[in-house]
Amino acid sequence: MLNFNKFFGAPKEEPPVETPEEAKTPAEEEAAPSETAEPTESAETEAAAAAGEAAENAEAAPEEPPVDEHDAEANNPGAFPVGEPLTGDFANFFSGKTYLNHLVPKAASVLNMTFEPGCRSSWHIHHNGGQFLLVTGGAGWYQEEGREARPLRPGDIVKVPAEIKHWHGAAKDSWFSHLLVPVPVPGSSNAFLEEVDDKDYDALPPSREESDGSPFGGIAKLFGKEK
């Protein structure tokens, strides 16, 4: 039997090749976090300073005092200052506090009228004139005799005809303001009558229930765009 190892020699065993660790690019070496890296003293100092500043600001922030529910200016729902509280005999024709601000006190008087929650006028009639109500804030009501009460919201416009018995005022749970624009007619006058019945007024829903979510319903009606 031939011995091949004799002619060709025994094959030599190659020593194992050691595989070097995979080389990293400079960018990868820079991005790799150091296992021994520790936060520097400057970073710790900045973090502590930021935490201390946040704590000081939180302690220094004053608490806002609650709004006085009887403060008309603080609760003003409209765009104009509330003015002065209504006094004298005329105040007897309203069930609560009402505030007047004469915006245009000349020939055609324009008044800003603000009602506290639950305040409304007595029934009354405008002889030989009438007036317009332009709602600027809050929620209220307008009612003519023989008709259902109409809810009022900012943007609503009410044309009050002459010789029509009516009342207007705030919802039971909301401040209310509107501009009052009388129709300047010679010989015009106002006749105030009985108070609005408490049972009828109390039967009206609070403002959050009667609202349809549209703040400009009156403007849509004025230009014929009401849905």
C-alpha atoms as a PDB file:
ATOM      1  CA  MET A   1       0.000   0.000   0.000  1.00  0.00           C
ATOM      2  CA  LEU A   2       1.399   3.352  -1.022  1.00  0.00           C
ATOM      3  CA  ASN A   3       2.165   5.840   1.707  1.00  0.00           C
ATOM      4  CA  PHE A   4       1.231   9.259   0.284  1.00  0.00           C
ATOM      5  CA  ASN A   5       2.689  10.988   3.278  1.00  0.00           C
ATOM      6  CA  LYS A   6       6.096   9.551   2.297  1.00  0.00           C
ATOM      7  CA  PHE A   7       6.030  11.176  -1.161  1.00  0.00           C
ATOM      8  CA  PHE A   8       4.230  14.435  -0.434  1.00  0.00           C
ATOM      9  CA  GLY A   9       4.861  14.868   3.235  1.00  0.00           C
ATOM     10  CA  ALA A  10       2.224  15.238   5.964  1.00  0.00           C
ATOM     11  CA  PRO A  11       0.054  18.333   5.636  1.00  0.00           C
ATOM     12  CA  LYS A  12       1.032  21.044   8.011  1.00  0.00           C
ATOM     13  CA  GLU A  13      -1.560  22.369  10.423  1.00  0.00           C
ATOM     14  CA  GLU A  14      -2.168  26.093  10.119  1.00  0.00           C
ATOM     15  CA  PRO A  15      -2.101  27.957  13.411  1.00  0.00           C
ATOM     16  CA  PRO A  16      -5.463  29.453  14.363  1.00  0.00           C
ATOM     17  CA  VAL A  17      -5.946  32.981  13.093  1.00  0.00           C
ATOM     18  CA  GLU A  18      -6.834  35.443  15.708  1.00  0.00           C
ATOM     19  CA  THR A  19      -9.651  37.749  14.494  1.00  0.00           C
ATOM     20  CA  PRO A  20      -8.971  41.302  15.567  1.00  0.00           C
ATOM     21  CA  GLU A  21     -11.813  43.323  17.069  1.00  0.00           C
ATOM     22  CA  GLU A  22     -13.913  45.099  14.488  1.00  0.00           C
ATOM     23  CA  ALA A  23     -12.449  48.495  13.846  1.00  0.00           C
ATOM     24  CA  LYS A  24     -14.657  51.485  14.586  1.00  0.00           C
ATOM     25  CA  THR A  25     -14.800  54.675  12.650  1.00  0.00           C
ATOM     26  CA  PRO A  26     -13.824  57.911  14.445  1.00  0.00           C
ATOM     27  CA  ALA A  27     -17.506  58.994  14.404  1.00  0.00           C
ATOM     28  CA  GLU A  28     -18.608  55.742  16.076  1.00  0.00           C
ATOM     29  CA  GLU A  29     -15.869  56.002  18.685  1.00  0.00           C
ATOM     30  CA  GLU A  30     -16.942  59.575  19.459  1.00  0.00           C
ATOM     31  CA  ALA A  31     -20.647  58.613  19.690  1.00  0.00           C
ATOM     32  CA  ALA A  32     -20.059  55.552  21.885  1.00  0.00           C
ATOM     33  CA  PRO A  33     -20.550  56.389  25.573  1.00  0.00           C
ATOM     34  CA  SER A  34     -17.567  55.907  27.790  1.00  0.00           C
ATOM     35  CA  GLU A  35     -18.041  53.186  30.375  1.00  0.00           C
ATOM     36  CA  THR A  36     -16.015  55.142  32.849  1.00  0.00           C
ATOM     37  CA  ALA A  37     -17.475  58.583  32.053  1.00  0.00           C
ATOM     38  CA  GLU A  38     -18.934  60.361  35.055  1.00  0.00           C
ATOM     39  CA  PRO A  39     -20.949  63.631  35.212  1.00  0.00           C
ATOM     40  CA  THR A  40     -18.661  66.584  35.325  1.00  0.00           C
ATOM     41  CA  GLU A  41     -18.748  68.949  38.258  1.00  0.00           C
ATOM     42  CA  SER A  42     -19.994  71.799  36.041  1.00  0.00           C
ATOM     43  CA  ALA A  43     -22.972  69.736  34.783  1.00  0.00           C
ATOM     44  CA  GLU A  44     -23.946  68.823  38.356  1.00  0.00           C
ATOM     45  CA  THR A  45     -23.673  72.466  39.401  1.00  0.00           C
ATOM     46  CA  GLU A  46     -25.865  73.673  36.517  1.00  0.00           C
ATOM     47  CA  ALA A  47     -28.520  71.029  37.247  1.00  0.00           C
ATOM     48  CA  ALA A  48     -28.612  71.970  40.924  1.00  0.00           C
ATOM     49  CA  ALA A  49     -28.860  75.684  40.087  1.00  0.00           C
ATOM     50  CA  ALA A  50     -31.743  75.058  37.666  1.00  0.00           C
ATOM     51  CA  ALA A  51     -33.604  72.986  40.246  1.00  0.00           C
ATOM     52  CA  GLY A  52     -33.089  75.656  42.884  1.00  0.00           C
ATOM     53  CA  GLU A  53     -34.322  78.414  40.559  1.00  0.00           C
ATOM     54  CA  ALA A  54     -37.456  76.421  39.679  1.00  0.00           C
ATOM     55  CA  ALA A  55     -38.202  75.889  43.372  1.00  0.00           C
ATOM     56  CA  GLU A  56     -37.762  79.599  44.120  1.00  0.00           C
ATOM     57  CA  ASN A  57     -40.095  80.577  41.267  1.00  0.00           C
ATOM     58  CA  ALA A  58     -42.728  78.112  42.484  1.00  0.00           C
ATOM     59  CA  GLU A  59     -42.556  79.534  45.994  1.00  0.00           C
ATOM     60  CA  ALA A  60     -42.569  83.141  44.811  1.00  0.00           C
ATOM     61  CA  ALA A  61     -45.644  82.793  42.551  1.00  0.00           C
ATOM     62  CA  PRO A  62     -48.499  84.483  44.446  1.00  0.00           C
ATOM     63  CA  GLU A  63     -51.883  82.820  44.585  1.00  0.00           C
ATOM     64  CA  GLU A  64     -54.593  84.730  42.757  1.00  0.00           C
ATOM     65  CA  PRO A  65     -57.382  85.771  45.129  1.00  0.00           C
ATOM     66  CA  PRO A  66     -60.855  84.478  44.261  1.00  0.00           C
ATOM     67  CA  VAL A  67     -63.067  86.868  42.318  1.00  0.00           C
ATOM     68  CA  ASP A  68     -65.755  88.508  44.433  1.00  0.00           C
ATOM     69  CA  GLU A  69     -69.078  87.397  42.953  1.00  0.00           C
ATOM     70  CA  HIS A  70     -70.552  90.783  43.887  1.00  0.00           C
ATOM     71  CA  ASP A  71     -67.810  92.832  42.199  1.00  0.00           C
ATOM     72  CA  ALA A  72     -69.417  94.088  38.983  1.00  0.00           C
ATOM     73  CA  GLU A  73     -66.217  95.198  37.258  1.00  0.00           C
ATOM     74  CA  ALA A  74     -64.369  91.974  38.105  1.00  0.00           C
ATOM     75  CA  ASN A  75     -67.277  89.949  36.681  1.00  0.00           C
ATOM     76  CA  ASN A  76     -67.960  92.304  33.769  1.00  0.00           C
ATOM     77  CA  PRO A  77     -69.013  90.072  30.833  1.00  0.00           C
ATOM     78  CA  GLY A  78     -69.065  92.848  28.229  1.00  0.00           C
ATOM     79  CA  ALA A  79     -66.622  94.980  26.290  1.00  0.00           C
ATOM     80  CA  PHE A  80     -67.272  98.292  28.107  1.00  0.00           C
ATOM     81  CA  PRO A  81     -66.786  99.396  31.735  1.00  0.00           C
ATOM     82  CA  VAL A  82     -69.895  98.745  33.814  1.00  0.00           C
ATOM     83  CA  GLY A  83     -70.171 102.334  34.997  1.00  0.00           C
ATOM     84  CA  GLU A  84     -72.060 103.289  38.141  1.00  0.00           C
ATOM     85  CA  PRO A  85     -74.781 101.377  40.005  1.00  0.00           C
ATOM     86  CA  LEU A  86     -78.293 102.486  39.222  1.00  0.00           C
ATOM     87  CA  THR A  87     -79.772 104.464  42.112  1.00  0.00           C
ATOM     88  CA  GLY A  88     -82.837 106.538  42.887  1.00  0.00           C
ATOM     89  CA  ASP A  89     -86.440 105.797  41.970  1.00  0.00           C
ATOM     90  CA  PHE A  90     -85.438 104.234  38.649  1.00  0.00           C
ATOM     91  CA  ALA A  91     -83.565 101.471  40.517  1.00  0.00           C
ATOM     92  CA  ASN A  92     -86.884 100.304  41.974  1.00  0.00           C
ATOM     93  CA  PHE A  93     -87.881  99.008  38.536  1.00  0.00           C
ATOM     94  CA  PHE A  94     -85.160  96.303  38.645  1.00  0.00           C
ATOM     95  CA  SER A  95     -85.087  93.211  40.841  1.00  0.00           C
ATOM     96  CA  GLY A  96     -81.368  93.440  41.642  1.00  0.00           C
ATOM     97  CA  LYS A  97     -78.274  95.541  41.013  1.00  0.00           C
ATOM     98  CA  THR A  98     -77.958  97.195  37.623  1.00  0.00           C
ATOM     99  CA  TYR A  99     -75.082  99.345  36.361  1.00  0.00           C
ATOM    100  CA  LEU A 100     -75.187 102.110  33.743  1.00  0.00           C
ATOM    101  CA  ASN A 101     -72.421 103.614  31.624  1.00  0.00           C
ATOM    102  CA  HIS A 102     -73.444 106.474  29.308  1.00  0.00           C
ATOM    103  CA  LEU A 103     -71.269 105.853  26.251  1.00  0.00           C
ATOM    104  CA  VAL A 104     -72.842 108.529  24.022  1.00  0.00           C
ATOM    105  CA  PRO A 105     -74.623 111.047  26.262  1.00  0.00           C
ATOM    106  CA  LYS A 106     -75.540 113.449  23.446  1.00  0.00           C
ATOM    107  CA  ALA A 107     -78.641 113.615  21.252  1.00  0.00           C
ATOM    108  CA  ALA A 108     -78.893 109.839  20.653  1.00  0.00           C
ATOM    109  CA  SER A 109     -77.958 108.400  24.032  1.00  0.00           C
ATOM    110  CA  VAL A 110     -76.220 105.003  23.997  1.00  0.00           C
ATOM    111  CA  LEU A 111     -75.942 103.249  27.337  1.00  0.00           C
ATOM    112  CA  ASN A 112     -74.081 100.155  28.435  1.00  0.00           C
ATOM    113  CA  MET A 113     -76.299  98.311  30.921  1.00  0.00           C
ATOM    114  CA  THR A 114     -74.970  95.488  33.104  1.00  0.00           C
ATOM    115  CA  PHE A 115     -77.106  93.163  35.252  1.00  0.00           C
ATOM    116  CA  GLU A 116     -75.945  90.952  38.085  1.00  0.00           C
ATOM    117  CA  PRO A 117     -77.124  87.315  37.958  1.00  0.00           C
ATOM    118  CA  GLY A 118     -80.876  87.048  38.486  1.00  0.00           C
ATOM    119  CA  CYS A 119     -81.509  90.769  37.963  1.00  0.00           C
ATOM    120  CA  ARG A 120     -84.211  91.810  35.492  1.00  0.00           C
ATOM    121  CA  SER A 121     -86.377  94.803  34.754  1.00  0.00           C
ATOM    122  CA  SER A 122     -90.050  95.064  35.563  1.00  0.00           C
ATOM    123  CA  TRP A 123     -92.525  94.829  32.725  1.00  0.00           C
ATOM    124  CA  HIS A 124     -92.512  98.140  30.842  1.00  0.00           C
ATOM    125  CA  ILE A 125     -93.601  99.921  27.652  1.00  0.00           C
ATOM    126  CA  HIS A 126     -91.792 102.486  25.484  1.00  0.00           C
ATOM    127  CA  HIS A 127     -94.313 104.995  24.188  1.00  0.00           C
ATOM    128  CA  ASN A 128     -93.679 106.740  20.849  1.00  0.00           C
ATOM    129  CA  GLY A 129     -90.196 105.379  20.390  1.00  0.00           C
ATOM    130  CA  GLY A 130     -88.974 101.890  21.111  1.00  0.00           C
ATOM    131  CA  GLN A 131     -85.332 100.896  21.413  1.00  0.00           C
ATOM    132  CA  PHE A 132     -82.624  98.404  20.378  1.00  0.00           C
ATOM    133  CA  LEU A 133     -80.733  96.034  22.651  1.00  0.00           C
ATOM    134  CA  LEU A 134     -77.268  94.947  21.430  1.00  0.00           C
ATOM    135  CA  VAL A 135     -76.009  92.094  23.602  1.00  0.00           C
ATOM    136  CA  THR A 136     -72.280  92.334  24.396  1.00  0.00           C
ATOM    137  CA  GLY A 137     -71.686  89.765  27.128  1.00  0.00           C
ATOM    138  CA  GLY A 138     -73.035  87.053  29.397  1.00  0.00           C
ATOM    139  CA  ALA A 139     -76.437  85.422  29.136  1.00  0.00           C
ATOM    140  CA  GLY A 140     -79.880  86.959  29.555  1.00  0.00           C
ATOM    141  CA  TRP A 141     -83.533  86.993  28.566  1.00  0.00           C
ATOM    142  CA  TYR A 142     -86.005  89.149  26.651  1.00  0.00           C
ATOM    143  CA  GLN A 143     -89.755  88.572  26.704  1.00  0.00           C
ATOM    144  CA  GLU A 144     -92.750  90.302  25.191  1.00  0.00           C
ATOM    145  CA  GLU A 145     -96.190  89.892  26.701  1.00  0.00           C
ATOM    146  CA  GLY A 146     -97.989  86.871  25.287  1.00  0.00           C
ATOM    147  CA  ARG A 147     -94.763  85.294  23.936  1.00  0.00           C
ATOM    148  CA  GLU A 148     -92.165  82.908  25.318  1.00  0.00           C
ATOM    149  CA  ALA A 149     -88.967  84.332  26.797  1.00  0.00           C
ATOM    150  CA  ARG A 150     -86.105  84.546  24.314  1.00  0.00           C
ATOM    151  CA  PRO A 151     -82.560  83.664  25.458  1.00  0.00           C
ATOM    152  CA  LEU A 152     -79.922  86.284  24.699  1.00  0.00           C
ATOM    153  CA  ARG A 153     -76.229  85.774  23.972  1.00  0.00           C
ATOM    154  CA  PRO A 154     -73.365  88.037  22.789  1.00  0.00           C
ATOM    155  CA  GLY A 155     -74.128  89.224  19.263  1.00  0.00           C
ATOM    156  CA  ASP A 156     -77.913  89.049  19.639  1.00  0.00           C
ATOM    157  CA  ILE A 157     -79.871  92.130  18.568  1.00  0.00           C
ATOM    158  CA  VAL A 158     -83.351  92.877  19.886  1.00  0.00           C
ATOM    159  CA  LYS A 159     -85.623  95.439  18.263  1.00  0.00           C
ATOM    160  CA  VAL A 160     -88.102  96.533  20.908  1.00  0.00           C
ATOM    161  CA  PRO A 161     -91.152  98.075  19.215  1.00  0.00           C
ATOM    162  CA  ALA A 162     -93.030 100.979  20.714  1.00  0.00           C
ATOM    163  CA  GLU A 163     -96.177 100.191  22.696  1.00  0.00           C
ATOM    164  CA  ILE A 164     -95.100  96.561  23.369  1.00  0.00           C
ATOM    165  CA  LYS A 165     -95.092  95.361  26.976  1.00  0.00           C
ATOM    166  CA  HIS A 166     -91.826  93.524  27.708  1.00  0.00           C
ATOM    167  CA  TRP A 167     -88.977  92.880  30.135  1.00  0.00           C
ATOM    168  CA  HIS A 168     -85.275  91.988  29.842  1.00  0.00           C
ATOM    169  CA  GLY A 169     -82.477  91.000  32.202  1.00  0.00           C
ATOM    170  CA  ALA A 170     -79.841  88.467  33.219  1.00  0.00           C
ATOM    171  CA  ALA A 171     -80.064  84.703  33.448  1.00  0.00           C
ATOM    172  CA  LYS A 172     -80.186  83.373  36.985  1.00  0.00           C
ATOM    173  CA  ASP A 173     -76.589  82.092  36.835  1.00  0.00           C
ATOM    174  CA  SER A 174     -74.830  84.705  34.686  1.00  0.00           C
ATOM    175  CA  TRP A 175     -73.856  88.340  34.563  1.00  0.00           C
ATOM    176  CA  PHE A 176     -75.343  90.052  31.521  1.00  0.00           C
ATOM    177  CA  SER A 177     -74.653  93.218  29.560  1.00  0.00           C
ATOM    178  CA  HIS A 178     -76.124  94.931  26.532  1.00  0.00           C
ATOM    179  CA  LEU A 179     -76.053  98.297  24.839  1.00  0.00           C
ATOM    180  CA  LEU A 180     -79.320 100.172  25.026  1.00  0.00           C
ATOM    181  CA  VAL A 181     -80.017 102.387  22.003  1.00  0.00           C
ATOM    182  CA  PRO A 182     -83.313 104.308  22.175  1.00  0.00           C
ATOM    183  CA  VAL A 183     -85.153 105.419  19.053  1.00  0.00           C
ATOM    184  CA  PRO A 184     -85.079 109.220  19.299  1.00  0.00           C
ATOM    185  CA  VAL A 185     -88.670 110.294  18.764  1.00  0.00           C
ATOM    186  CA  PRO A 186     -90.093 113.569  20.131  1.00  0.00           C
ATOM    187  CA  GLY A 187     -92.492 112.945  22.970  1.00  0.00           C
ATOM    188  CA  SER A 188     -91.249 109.437  23.731  1.00  0.00           C
ATOM    189  CA  SER A 189     -91.578 108.115  27.285  1.00  0.00           C
ATOM    190  CA  ASN A 190     -91.274 104.941  29.349  1.00  0.00           C
ATOM    191  CA  ALA A 191     -93.976 103.383  31.524  1.00  0.00           C
ATOM    192  CA  PHE A 192     -92.832 100.807  34.087  1.00  0.00           C
ATOM    193  CA  LEU A 193     -95.441  98.341  35.332  1.00  0.00           C
ATOM    194  CA  GLU A 194     -95.524  95.271  37.616  1.00  0.00           C
ATOM    195  CA  GLU A 195     -92.530  93.110  38.431  1.00  0.00           C
ATOM    196  CA  VAL A 196     -91.831  89.871  36.578  1.00  0.00           C
ATOM    197  CA  ASP A 197     -93.412  86.996  38.493  1.00  0.00           C
ATOM    198  CA  ASP A 198     -90.752  85.074  40.441  1.00  0.00           C
ATOM    199  CA  LYS A 199     -92.302  81.705  39.562  1.00  0.00           C
ATOM    200  CA  ASP A 200     -92.220  82.486  35.843  1.00  0.00           C
ATOM    201  CA  TYR A 201     -88.629  83.684  36.010  1.00  0.00           C
ATOM    202  CA  ASP A 202     -87.438  80.769  38.158  1.00  0.00           C
ATOM    203  CA  ALA A 203     -88.950  78.347  35.632  1.00  0.00           C
ATOM    204  CA  LEU A 204     -86.503  79.583  32.971  1.00  0.00           C
ATOM    205  CA  PRO A 205     -83.478  77.289  32.507  1.00  0.00           C
ATOM    206  CA  PRO A 206     -79.973  78.358  33.563  1.00  0.00           C
ATOM    207  CA  SER A 207     -77.733  79.737  30.843  1.00  0.00           C
ATOM    208  CA  ARG A 208     -75.659  76.563  30.427  1.00  0.00           C
ATOM    209  CA  GLU A 209     -78.795  74.640  29.410  1.00  0.00           C
ATOM    210  CA  GLU A 210     -80.362  77.123  26.997  1.00  0.00           C
ATOM    211  CA  SER A 211     -77.123  77.948  25.146  1.00  0.00           C
ATOM    212  CA  ASP A 212     -76.801  76.546  21.620  1.00  0.00           C
ATOM    213  CA  GLY A 213     -73.039  77.109  21.641  1.00  0.00           C
ATOM    214  CA  SER A 214     -73.181  79.896  19.050  1.00  0.00           C
ATOM    215  CA  PRO A 215     -71.822  83.233  20.358  1.00  0.00           C
ATOM    216  CA  PHE A 216     -72.974  85.262  17.349  1.00  0.00           C
ATOM    217  CA  GLY A 217     -76.529  84.089  16.755  1.00  0.00           C
ATOM    218  CA  GLY A 218     -77.907  87.639  16.602  1.00  0.00           C
ATOM    219  CA  ILE A 219     -75.526  88.733  13.836  1.00  0.00           C
ATOM    220  CA  ALA A 220     -76.592  85.730  11.761  1.00  0.00           C
ATOM    221  CA  LYS A 221     -80.231  86.730  12.190  1.00  0.00           C
ATOM    222  CA  LEU A 222     -79.537  90.338  11.261  1.00  0.00           C
ATOM    223  CA  PHE A 223     -77.976  89.385   7.914  1.00  0.00           C
ATOM    224  CA  GLY A 224     -80.362  86.541   7.143  1.00  0.00           C
ATOM    225  CA  LYS A 225     -77.821  83.734   7.642  1.00  0.00           C
ATOM    226  CA  GLU A 226     -79.504  81.930  10.480  1.00  0.00           C
ATOM    227  CA  LYS A 227     -79.750  78.177   9.900  1.00  0.00           C
END
